[in-house]
PDB file of N, CA and C in Angstrom:
ATOM      1  N   SER A   1       6.234  -4.862 -20.537  1.00  0.00           N
ATOM      2  CA  SER A   1       6.137  -5.114 -19.112  1.00  0.00           C
ATOM      3  C   SER A   1       6.421  -3.838 -18.341  1.00  0.00           C
ATOM      4  N   ILE A   2       5.636  -3.583 -17.315  1.00  0.00           N
ATOM      5  CA  ILE A   2       5.881  -2.393 -16.503  1.00  0.00           C
ATOM      6  C   ILE A   2       7.084  -2.583 -15.593  1.00  0.00           C
ATOM      7  N   VAL A   3       7.471  -3.840 -15.329  1.00  0.00           N
ATOM      8  CA  VAL A   3       8.635  -4.100 -14.479  1.00  0.00           C
ATOM      9  C   VAL A   3       9.903  -3.626 -15.179  1.00  0.00           C
ATOM     10  N   ASP A   4      10.002  -3.844 -16.494  1.00  0.00           N
ATOM     11  CA  ASP A   4      11.171  -3.399 -17.249  1.00  0.00           C
ATOM     12  C   ASP A   4      11.362  -1.888 -17.183  1.00  0.00           C
ATOM     13  N   ASN A   5      10.284  -1.140 -17.042  1.00  0.00           N
ATOM     14  CA  ASN A   5      10.341   0.319 -16.973  1.00  0.00           C
ATOM     15  C   ASN A   5      10.573   0.840 -15.565  1.00  0.00           C
ATOM     16  N   ASN A   6      10.803  -0.067 -14.607  1.00  0.00           N
ATOM     17  CA  ASN A   6      11.043   0.289 -13.210  1.00  0.00           C
ATOM     18  C   ASN A   6       9.811   0.898 -12.549  1.00  0.00           C
ATOM     19  N   TRP A   7       8.616   0.546 -13.050  1.00  0.00           N
ATOM     20  CA  TRP A   7       7.384   0.967 -12.402  1.00  0.00           C
ATOM     21  C   TRP A   7       7.141   0.042 -11.218  1.00  0.00           C
ATOM     22  N   ALA A   8       6.336   0.480 -10.305  1.00  0.00           N
ATOM     23  CA  ALA A   8       6.024  -0.343  -9.141  1.00  0.00           C
ATOM     24  C   ALA A   8       4.968  -1.390  -9.495  1.00  0.00           C
ATOM     25  N   VAL A   9       5.130  -2.553  -8.941  1.00  0.00           N
ATOM     26  CA  VAL A   9       4.115  -3.602  -8.999  1.00  0.00           C
ATOM     27  C   VAL A   9       3.748  -3.905  -7.551  1.00  0.00           C
ATOM     28  N   GLY A  10       2.646  -4.590  -7.342  1.00  0.00           N
ATOM     29  CA  GLY A  10       2.265  -4.783  -5.957  1.00  0.00           C
ATOM     30  C   GLY A  10       1.317  -5.921  -5.695  1.00  0.00           C
ATOM     31  N   THR A  11       0.935  -6.011  -4.432  1.00  0.00           N
ATOM     32  CA  THR A  11       0.023  -7.027  -3.940  1.00  0.00           C
ATOM     33  C   THR A  11      -1.009  -6.349  -3.058  1.00  0.00           C
ATOM     34  N   MET A  12      -2.281  -6.710  -3.241  1.00  0.00           N
ATOM     35  CA  MET A  12      -3.347  -6.217  -2.374  1.00  0.00           C
ATOM     36  C   MET A  12      -3.922  -7.397  -1.610  1.00  0.00           C
ATOM     37  N   ILE A  13      -4.085  -7.225  -0.303  1.00  0.00           N
ATOM     38  CA  ILE A  13      -4.584  -8.305   0.551  1.00  0.00           C
ATOM     39  C   ILE A  13      -5.727  -7.763   1.398  1.00  0.00           C
ATOM     40  N   GLY A  14      -6.842  -8.478   1.413  1.00  0.00           N
ATOM     41  CA  GLY A  14      -7.965  -8.142   2.281  1.00  0.00           C
ATOM     42  C   GLY A  14      -8.125  -9.240   3.319  1.00  0.00           C
ATOM     43  N   VAL A  15      -8.495  -8.853   4.535  1.00  0.00           N
ATOM     44  CA  VAL A  15      -8.672  -9.821   5.617  1.00  0.00           C
ATOM     45  C   VAL A  15     -10.100  -9.685   6.148  1.00  0.00           C
ATOM     46  N   TRP A  16     -10.836 -10.812   6.148  1.00  0.00           N
ATOM     47  CA  TRP A  16     -12.194 -10.854   6.661  1.00  0.00           C
ATOM     48  C   TRP A  16     -12.238 -11.779   7.862  1.00  0.00           C
ATOM     49  N   PRO A  17     -13.184 -11.546   8.793  1.00  0.00           N
ATOM     50  CA  PRO A  17     -13.280 -12.429   9.956  1.00  0.00           C
ATOM     51  C   PRO A  17     -13.757 -13.814   9.550  1.00  0.00           C
ATOM     52  N   LYS A  18     -13.395 -14.809  10.318  1.00  0.00           N
ATOM     53  CA  LYS A  18     -13.750 -16.187  10.014  1.00  0.00           C
ATOM     54  C   LYS A  18     -15.268 -16.369   9.928  1.00  0.00           C
ATOM     55  N   LYS A  19     -16.011 -15.689  10.785  1.00  0.00           N
ATOM     56  CA  LYS A  19     -17.466 -15.856  10.792  1.00  0.00           C
ATOM     57  C   LYS A  19     -18.110 -15.370   9.498  1.00  0.00           C
ATOM     58  N   THR A  20     -17.508 -14.394   8.817  1.00  0.00           N
ATOM     59  CA  THR A  20     -18.057 -13.869   7.574  1.00  0.00           C
ATOM     60  C   THR A  20     -17.527 -14.637   6.367  1.00  0.00           C
ATOM     61  N   GLY A  21     -16.208 -14.848   6.331  1.00  0.00           N
ATOM     62  CA  GLY A  21     -15.608 -15.469   5.163  1.00  0.00           C
ATOM     63  C   GLY A  21     -15.733 -14.562   3.953  1.00  0.00           C
ATOM     64  N   LEU A  22     -15.477 -15.089   2.768  1.00  0.00           N
ATOM     65  CA  LEU A  22     -15.547 -14.280   1.554  1.00  0.00           C
ATOM     66  C   LEU A  22     -16.889 -14.363   0.851  1.00  0.00           C
ATOM     67  N   ILE A  23     -17.583 -15.479   0.981  1.00  0.00           N
ATOM     68  CA  ILE A  23     -18.847 -15.657   0.277  1.00  0.00           C
ATOM     69  C   ILE A  23     -19.894 -14.715   0.881  1.00  0.00           C
ATOM     70  N   GLY A  24     -20.378 -13.801   0.086  1.00  0.00           N
ATOM     71  CA  GLY A  24     -21.391 -12.848   0.525  1.00  0.00           C
ATOM     72  C   GLY A  24     -20.854 -11.697   1.353  1.00  0.00           C
ATOM     73  N   ALA A  25     -19.566 -11.625   1.553  1.00  0.00           N
ATOM     74  CA  ALA A  25     -18.980 -10.554   2.359  1.00  0.00           C
ATOM     75  C   ALA A  25     -18.925  -9.259   1.560  1.00  0.00           C
ATOM     76  N   THR A  26     -18.938  -8.151   2.273  1.00  0.00           N
ATOM     77  CA  THR A  26     -18.795  -6.839   1.637  1.00  0.00           C
ATOM     78  C   THR A  26     -17.537  -6.163   2.185  1.00  0.00           C
ATOM     79  N   GLY A  27     -17.209  -5.032   1.622  1.00  0.00           N
ATOM     80  CA  GLY A  27     -16.060  -4.279   2.107  1.00  0.00           C
ATOM     81  C   GLY A  27     -16.227  -3.820   3.539  1.00  0.00           C
ATOM     82  N   ARG A  28     -17.462  -3.609   3.976  1.00  0.00           N
ATOM     83  CA  ARG A  28     -17.713  -3.183   5.357  1.00  0.00           C
ATOM     84  C   ARG A  28     -17.397  -4.297   6.348  1.00  0.00           C
ATOM     85  N   ASP A  29     -17.409  -5.555   5.885  1.00  0.00           N
ATOM     86  CA  ASP A  29     -17.088  -6.690   6.759  1.00  0.00           C
ATOM     87  C   ASP A  29     -15.584  -6.885   6.916  1.00  0.00           C
ATOM     88  N   GLN A  30     -14.822  -6.239   6.083  1.00  0.00           N
ATOM     89  CA  GLN A  30     -13.370  -6.417   6.076  1.00  0.00           C
ATOM     90  C   GLN A  30     -12.752  -5.943   7.391  1.00  0.00           C
ATOM     91  N   VAL A  31     -11.846  -6.750   7.944  1.00  0.00           N
ATOM     92  CA  VAL A  31     -11.178  -6.421   9.208  1.00  0.00           C
ATOM     93  C   VAL A  31     -10.007  -5.493   8.976  1.00  0.00           C
ATOM     94  N   THR A  32      -9.186  -5.791   7.981  1.00  0.00           N
ATOM     95  CA  THR A  32      -8.041  -4.948   7.638  1.00  0.00           C
ATOM     96  C   THR A  32      -7.640  -5.230   6.196  1.00  0.00           C
ATOM     97  N   SER A  33      -6.760  -4.410   5.684  1.00  0.00           N
ATOM     98  CA  SER A  33      -6.228  -4.634   4.341  1.00  0.00           C
ATOM     99  C   SER A  33      -4.785  -4.147   4.289  1.00  0.00           C
ATOM    100  N   LEU A  34      -4.060  -4.717   3.337  1.00  0.00           N
ATOM    101  CA  LEU A  34      -2.665  -4.338   3.115  1.00  0.00           C
ATOM    102  C   LEU A  34      -2.445  -4.136   1.630  1.00  0.00           C
ATOM    103  N   VAL A  35      -1.635  -3.159   1.298  1.00  0.00           N
ATOM    104  CA  VAL A  35      -1.199  -2.937  -0.069  1.00  0.00           C
ATOM    105  C   VAL A  35       0.322  -2.871  -0.028  1.00  0.00           C
ATOM    106  N   ALA A  36       0.977  -3.764  -0.752  1.00  0.00           N
ATOM    107  CA  ALA A  36       2.442  -3.771  -0.823  1.00  0.00           C
ATOM    108  C   ALA A  36       2.854  -3.334  -2.220  1.00  0.00           C
ATOM    109  N   LEU A  37       3.777  -2.398  -2.296  1.00  0.00           N
ATOM    110  CA  LEU A  37       4.310  -1.917  -3.575  1.00  0.00           C
ATOM    111  C   LEU A  37       5.794  -2.216  -3.639  1.00  0.00           C
ATOM    112  N   TYR A  38       6.195  -2.885  -4.708  1.00  0.00           N
ATOM    113  CA  TYR A  38       7.595  -3.260  -4.894  1.00  0.00           C
ATOM    114  C   TYR A  38       8.118  -2.499  -6.096  1.00  0.00           C
ATOM    115  N   GLY A  39       9.190  -1.799  -5.927  1.00  0.00           N
ATOM    116  CA  GLY A  39       9.769  -1.027  -7.018  1.00  0.00           C
ATOM    117  C   GLY A  39      10.991  -0.306  -6.511  1.00  0.00           C
ATOM    118  N   PRO A  40      11.243   0.902  -7.049  1.00  0.00           N
ATOM    119  CA  PRO A  40      12.390   1.667  -6.567  1.00  0.00           C
ATOM    120  C   PRO A  40      12.316   1.913  -5.063  1.00  0.00           C
ATOM    121  N   ARG A  41      11.098   1.978  -4.541  1.00  0.00           N
ATOM    122  CA  ARG A  41      10.871   2.113  -3.098  1.00  0.00           C
ATOM    123  C   ARG A  41       9.851   1.047  -2.710  1.00  0.00           C
ATOM    124  N   THR A  42      10.162   0.231  -1.726  1.00  0.00           N
ATOM    125  CA  THR A  42       9.262  -0.834  -1.305  1.00  0.00           C
ATOM    126  C   THR A  42       8.512  -0.383  -0.062  1.00  0.00           C
ATOM    127  N   THR A  43       7.169  -0.364  -0.169  1.00  0.00           N
ATOM    128  CA  THR A  43       6.345   0.083   0.944  1.00  0.00           C
ATOM    129  C   THR A  43       5.175  -0.874   1.156  1.00  0.00           C
ATOM    130  N   VAL A  44       4.654  -0.857   2.376  1.00  0.00           N
ATOM    131  CA  VAL A  44       3.438  -1.592   2.709  1.00  0.00           C
ATOM    132  C   VAL A  44       2.515  -0.621   3.429  1.00  0.00           C
ATOM    133  N   LEU A  45       1.294  -0.495   2.933  1.00  0.00           N
ATOM    134  CA  LEU A  45       0.280   0.316   3.605  1.00  0.00           C
ATOM    135  C   LEU A  45      -0.668  -0.632   4.323  1.00  0.00           C
ATOM    136  N   VAL A  46      -0.934  -0.341   5.594  1.00  0.00           N
ATOM    137  CA  VAL A  46      -1.775  -1.197   6.432  1.00  0.00           C
ATOM    138  C   VAL A  46      -2.909  -0.353   6.992  1.00  0.00           C
ATOM    139  N   ALA A  47      -4.150  -0.805   6.766  1.00  0.00           N
ATOM    140  CA  ALA A  47      -5.319  -0.116   7.318  1.00  0.00           C
ATOM    141  C   ALA A  47      -5.733  -0.820   8.604  1.00  0.00           C
ATOM    142  N   LEU A  48      -5.731  -0.070   9.699  1.00  0.00           N
ATOM    143  CA  LEU A  48      -6.134  -0.593  11.006  1.00  0.00           C
ATOM    144  C   LEU A  48      -7.308   0.233  11.536  1.00  0.00           C
ATOM    145  N   ASP A  49      -7.875  -0.187  12.649  1.00  0.00           N
ATOM    146  CA  ASP A  49      -9.001   0.552  13.228  1.00  0.00           C
ATOM    147  C   ASP A  49      -8.648   1.997  13.547  1.00  0.00           C
ATOM    148  N   ASN A  50      -7.418   2.252  13.935  1.00  0.00           N
ATOM    149  CA  ASN A  50      -7.036   3.604  14.354  1.00  0.00           C
ATOM    150  C   ASN A  50      -6.328   4.400  13.253  1.00  0.00           C
ATOM    151  N   GLY A  51      -6.384   3.959  12.006  1.00  0.00           N
ATOM    152  CA  GLY A  51      -5.791   4.717  10.916  1.00  0.00           C
ATOM    153  C   GLY A  51      -5.042   3.847   9.926  1.00  0.00           C
ATOM    154  N   THR A  52      -4.480   4.499   8.940  1.00  0.00           N
ATOM    155  CA  THR A  52      -3.707   3.826   7.903  1.00  0.00           C
ATOM    156  C   THR A  52      -2.251   4.246   8.044  1.00  0.00           C
ATOM    157  N   TYR A  53      -1.367   3.273   7.962  1.00  0.00           N
ATOM    158  CA  TYR A  53       0.065   3.496   8.167  1.00  0.00           C
ATOM    159  C   TYR A  53       0.840   3.013   6.954  1.00  0.00           C
ATOM    160  N   GLU A  54       1.950   3.702   6.670  1.00  0.00           N
ATOM    161  CA  GLU A  54       2.861   3.269   5.609  1.00  0.00           C
ATOM    162  C   GLU A  54       4.184   2.863   6.238  1.00  0.00           C
ATOM    163  N   PHE A  55       4.637   1.678   5.899  1.00  0.00           N
ATOM    164  CA  PHE A  55       5.934   1.189   6.334  1.00  0.00           C
ATOM    165  C   PHE A  55       6.830   1.082   5.111  1.00  0.00           C
ATOM    166  N   THR A  56       8.025   1.630   5.202  1.00  0.00           N
ATOM    167  CA  THR A  56       8.976   1.634   4.101  1.00  0.00           C
ATOM    168  C   THR A  56      10.147   0.730   4.441  1.00  0.00           C
ATOM    169  N   TYR A  57      10.554  -0.070   3.459  1.00  0.00           N
ATOM    170  CA  TYR A  57      11.706  -0.941   3.647  1.00  0.00           C
ATOM    171  C   TYR A  57      12.955  -0.143   3.336  1.00  0.00           C
ATOM    172  N   GLY A  58      13.784   0.055   4.316  1.00  0.00           N
ATOM    173  CA  GLY A  58      15.003   0.824   4.137  1.00  0.00           C
ATOM    174  C   GLY A  58      15.424   1.440   5.451  1.00  0.00           C
ATOM    175  N   CYS A  59      16.551   2.029   5.440  1.00  0.00           N
ATOM    176  CA  CYS A  59      17.109   2.613   6.654  1.00  0.00           C
ATOM    177  C   CYS A  59      16.912   4.120   6.659  1.00  0.00           C
ATOM    178  N   THR A  60      16.969   4.695   7.838  1.00  0.00           N
ATOM    179  CA  THR A  60      16.948   6.149   7.957  1.00  0.00           C
ATOM    180  C   THR A  60      18.359   6.658   7.654  1.00  0.00           C
ATOM    181  N   PRO A  61      18.539   7.955   7.474  1.00  0.00           N
ATOM    182  CA  PRO A  61      19.899   8.467   7.256  1.00  0.00           C
ATOM    183  C   PRO A  61      20.853   8.118   8.398  1.00  0.00           C
ATOM    184  N   GLU A  62      20.292   7.907   9.595  1.00  0.00           N
ATOM    185  CA  GLU A  62      21.131   7.556  10.740  1.00  0.00           C
ATOM    186  C   GLU A  62      21.498   6.066  10.746  1.00  0.00           C
ATOM    187  N   GLY A  63      20.844   5.271   9.907  1.00  0.00           N
ATOM    188  CA  GLY A  63      21.126   3.836   9.843  1.00  0.00           C
ATOM    189  C   GLY A  63      19.947   3.004  10.308  1.00  0.00           C
ATOM    190  N   CYS A  64      20.136   1.687  10.350  1.00  0.00           N
ATOM    191  CA  CYS A  64      19.066   0.755  10.724  1.00  0.00           C
ATOM    192  C   CYS A  64      19.207   0.226  12.144  1.00  0.00           C
ATOM    193  N   GLU A  65      20.284   0.547  12.816  1.00  0.00           N
ATOM    194  CA  GLU A  65      20.521  -0.032  14.137  1.00  0.00           C
ATOM    195  C   GLU A  65      19.648   0.639  15.191  1.00  0.00           C
ATOM    196  N   LEU A  66      18.930  -0.187  15.954  1.00  0.00           N
ATOM    197  CA  LEU A  66      18.096   0.300  17.049  1.00  0.00           C
ATOM    198  C   LEU A  66      18.935   0.455  18.314  1.00  0.00           C
ATOM    199  N   PRO A  67      18.421   1.178  19.316  1.00  0.00           N
ATOM    200  CA  PRO A  67      19.186   1.392  20.554  1.00  0.00           C
ATOM    201  C   PRO A  67      19.636   0.102  21.228  1.00  0.00           C
ATOM    202  N   ASP A  68      18.872  -0.985  21.064  1.00  0.00           N
ATOM    203  CA  ASP A  68      19.259  -2.252  21.705  1.00  0.00           C
ATOM    204  C   ASP A  68      20.289  -3.043  20.898  1.00  0.00           C
ATOM    205  N   GLY A  69      20.752  -2.481  19.773  1.00  0.00           N
ATOM    206  CA  GLY A  69      21.766  -3.140  18.970  1.00  0.00           C
ATOM    207  C   GLY A  69      21.214  -3.997  17.842  1.00  0.00           C
ATOM    208  N   SER A  70      19.883  -4.207  17.828  1.00  0.00           N
ATOM    209  CA  SER A  70      19.282  -4.989  16.741  1.00  0.00           C
ATOM    210  C   SER A  70      19.075  -4.090  15.519  1.00  0.00           C
ATOM    211  N   PHE A  71      18.760  -4.711  14.391  1.00  0.00           N
ATOM    212  CA  PHE A  71      18.546  -3.975  13.154  1.00  0.00           C
ATOM    213  C   PHE A  71      17.104  -4.150  12.700  1.00  0.00           C
ATOM    214  N   GLU A  72      16.486  -3.069  12.274  1.00  0.00           N
ATOM    215  CA  GLU A  72      15.102  -3.105  11.816  1.00  0.00           C
ATOM    216  C   GLU A  72      14.987  -2.330  10.512  1.00  0.00           C
ATOM    217  N   PRO A  73      14.902  -3.027   9.367  1.00  0.00           N
ATOM    218  CA  PRO A  73      14.849  -2.315   8.094  1.00  0.00           C
ATOM    219  C   PRO A  73      13.490  -1.703   7.768  1.00  0.00           C
ATOM    220  N   TRP A  74      12.399  -2.118   8.442  1.00  0.00           N
ATOM    221  CA  TRP A  74      11.081  -1.539   8.185  1.00  0.00           C
ATOM    222  C   TRP A  74      10.850  -0.357   9.126  1.00  0.00           C
ATOM    223  N   ILE A  75      10.553   0.804   8.557  1.00  0.00           N
ATOM    224  CA  ILE A  75      10.280   1.981   9.377  1.00  0.00           C
ATOM    225  C   ILE A  75       8.881   2.504   9.051  1.00  0.00           C
ATOM    226  N   CYS A  76       8.204   3.029  10.053  1.00  0.00           N
ATOM    227  CA  CYS A  76       6.896   3.655   9.838  1.00  0.00           C
ATOM    228  C   CYS A  76       7.148   5.042   9.258  1.00  0.00           C
ATOM    229  N   SER A  77       6.906   5.188   7.961  1.00  0.00           N
ATOM    230  CA  SER A  77       7.234   6.440   7.292  1.00  0.00           C
ATOM    231  C   SER A  77       6.087   7.447   7.296  1.00  0.00           C
ATOM    232  N   ARG A  78       4.835   6.980   7.417  1.00  0.00           N
ATOM    233  CA  ARG A  78       3.690   7.906   7.493  1.00  0.00           C
ATOM    234  C   ARG A  78       2.616   7.283   8.382  1.00  0.00           C
ATOM    235  N   GLN A  79       1.912   8.142   9.110  1.00  0.00           N
ATOM    236  CA  GLN A  79       0.842   7.691   9.988  1.00  0.00           C
ATOM    237  C   GLN A  79      -0.440   8.444   9.673  1.00  0.00           C
ATOM    238  N   ASP A  80      -1.570   7.830   9.991  1.00  0.00           N
ATOM    239  CA  ASP A  80      -2.887   8.449   9.843  1.00  0.00           C
ATOM    240  C   ASP A  80      -3.076   9.034   8.439  1.00  0.00           C
ATOM    241  N   ILE A  81      -2.862   8.217   7.413  1.00  0.00           N
ATOM    242  CA  ILE A  81      -2.976   8.647   6.020  1.00  0.00           C
ATOM    243  C   ILE A  81      -4.449   8.744   5.643  1.00  0.00           C
ATOM    244  N   LYS A  82      -4.821   9.827   4.994  1.00  0.00           N
ATOM    245  CA  LYS A  82      -6.194  10.023   4.545  1.00  0.00           C
ATOM    246  C   LYS A  82      -6.184  10.507   3.099  1.00  0.00           C
ATOM    247  N   ILE A  83      -7.224  10.146   2.345  1.00  0.00           N
ATOM    248  CA  ILE A  83      -7.394  10.618   0.978  1.00  0.00           C
ATOM    249  C   ILE A  83      -8.225  11.890   1.042  1.00  0.00           C
ATOM    250  N   SER A  84      -7.742  12.932   0.419  1.00  0.00           N
ATOM    251  CA  SER A  84      -8.440  14.212   0.415  1.00  0.00           C
ATOM    252  C   SER A  84      -9.803  14.072  -0.266  1.00  0.00           C
ATOM    253  N   GLU A  85     -10.791  14.823   0.204  1.00  0.00           N
ATOM    254  CA  GLU A  85     -12.138  14.782  -0.359  1.00  0.00           C
ATOM    255  C   GLU A  85     -12.144  15.143  -1.851  1.00  0.00           C
ATOM    256  N   ASP A  86     -11.280  16.077  -2.270  1.00  0.00           N
ATOM    257  CA  ASP A  86     -11.273  16.510  -3.664  1.00  0.00           C
ATOM    258  C   ASP A  86     -10.250  15.757  -4.522  1.00  0.00           C
ATOM    259  N   CYS A  87      -9.741  14.660  -4.017  1.00  0.00           N
ATOM    260  CA  CYS A  87      -8.723  13.880  -4.728  1.00  0.00           C
ATOM    261  C   CYS A  87      -9.343  13.052  -5.847  1.00  0.00           C
ATOM    262  N   LYS A  88      -8.636  12.937  -6.954  1.00  0.00           N
ATOM    263  CA  LYS A  88      -9.049  12.075  -8.056  1.00  0.00           C
ATOM    264  C   LYS A  88      -8.209  10.804  -8.013  1.00  0.00           C
ATOM    265  N   ILE A  89      -8.781   9.705  -8.457  1.00  0.00           N
ATOM    266  CA  ILE A  89      -8.080   8.422  -8.449  1.00  0.00           C
ATOM    267  C   ILE A  89      -7.354   8.252  -9.769  1.00  0.00           C
ATOM    268  N   PHE A  90      -6.100   7.799  -9.711  1.00  0.00           N
ATOM    269  CA  PHE A  90      -5.269   7.614 -10.897  1.00  0.00           C
ATOM    270  C   PHE A  90      -4.636   6.245 -10.871  1.00  0.00           C
ATOM    271  N   SER A  91      -4.572   5.628 -12.020  1.00  0.00           N
ATOM    272  CA  SER A  91      -3.893   4.343 -12.161  1.00  0.00           C
ATOM    273  C   SER A  91      -3.024   4.406 -13.411  1.00  0.00           C
ATOM    274  N   PRO A  92      -1.750   3.967 -13.336  1.00  0.00           N
ATOM    275  CA  PRO A  92      -0.912   3.981 -14.542  1.00  0.00           C
ATOM    276  C   PRO A  92      -1.547   3.174 -15.659  1.00  0.00           C
ATOM    277  N   ALA A  93      -1.566   3.746 -16.828  1.00  0.00           N
ATOM    278  CA  ALA A  93      -2.122   3.110 -18.024  1.00  0.00           C
ATOM    279  C   ALA A  93      -3.618   2.806 -17.861  1.00  0.00           C
ATOM    280  N   ASN A  94      -4.257   3.458 -16.902  1.00  0.00           N
ATOM    281  CA  ASN A  94      -5.690   3.272 -16.627  1.00  0.00           C
ATOM    282  C   ASN A  94      -6.062   1.822 -16.411  1.00  0.00           C
ATOM    283  N   LEU A  95      -5.212   1.077 -15.725  1.00  0.00           N
ATOM    284  CA  LEU A  95      -5.489  -0.328 -15.454  1.00  0.00           C
ATOM    285  C   LEU A  95      -6.504  -0.472 -14.349  1.00  0.00           C
TER     286      LEU A  95
END
């Protein structure tokens, strides 16, 4: 099991509009998508019209308390993420 080795496992979610549904839909019809990775670091990547964002579960070095006194453990750790043109795709164990 990859979980025993402390590797990340995850969930991929695609969202399509009601008018299209999944039957006969293509990736171009997709409204948004999310990738959640659970492991030593828990993150969620969200693709929106204006870019891709990574949210990390955890606190900053300053803590989790917001100015209004509430606590927010999810922080936007990266914005406008892009895959480089010369990047190669890698998957652990070639899965």
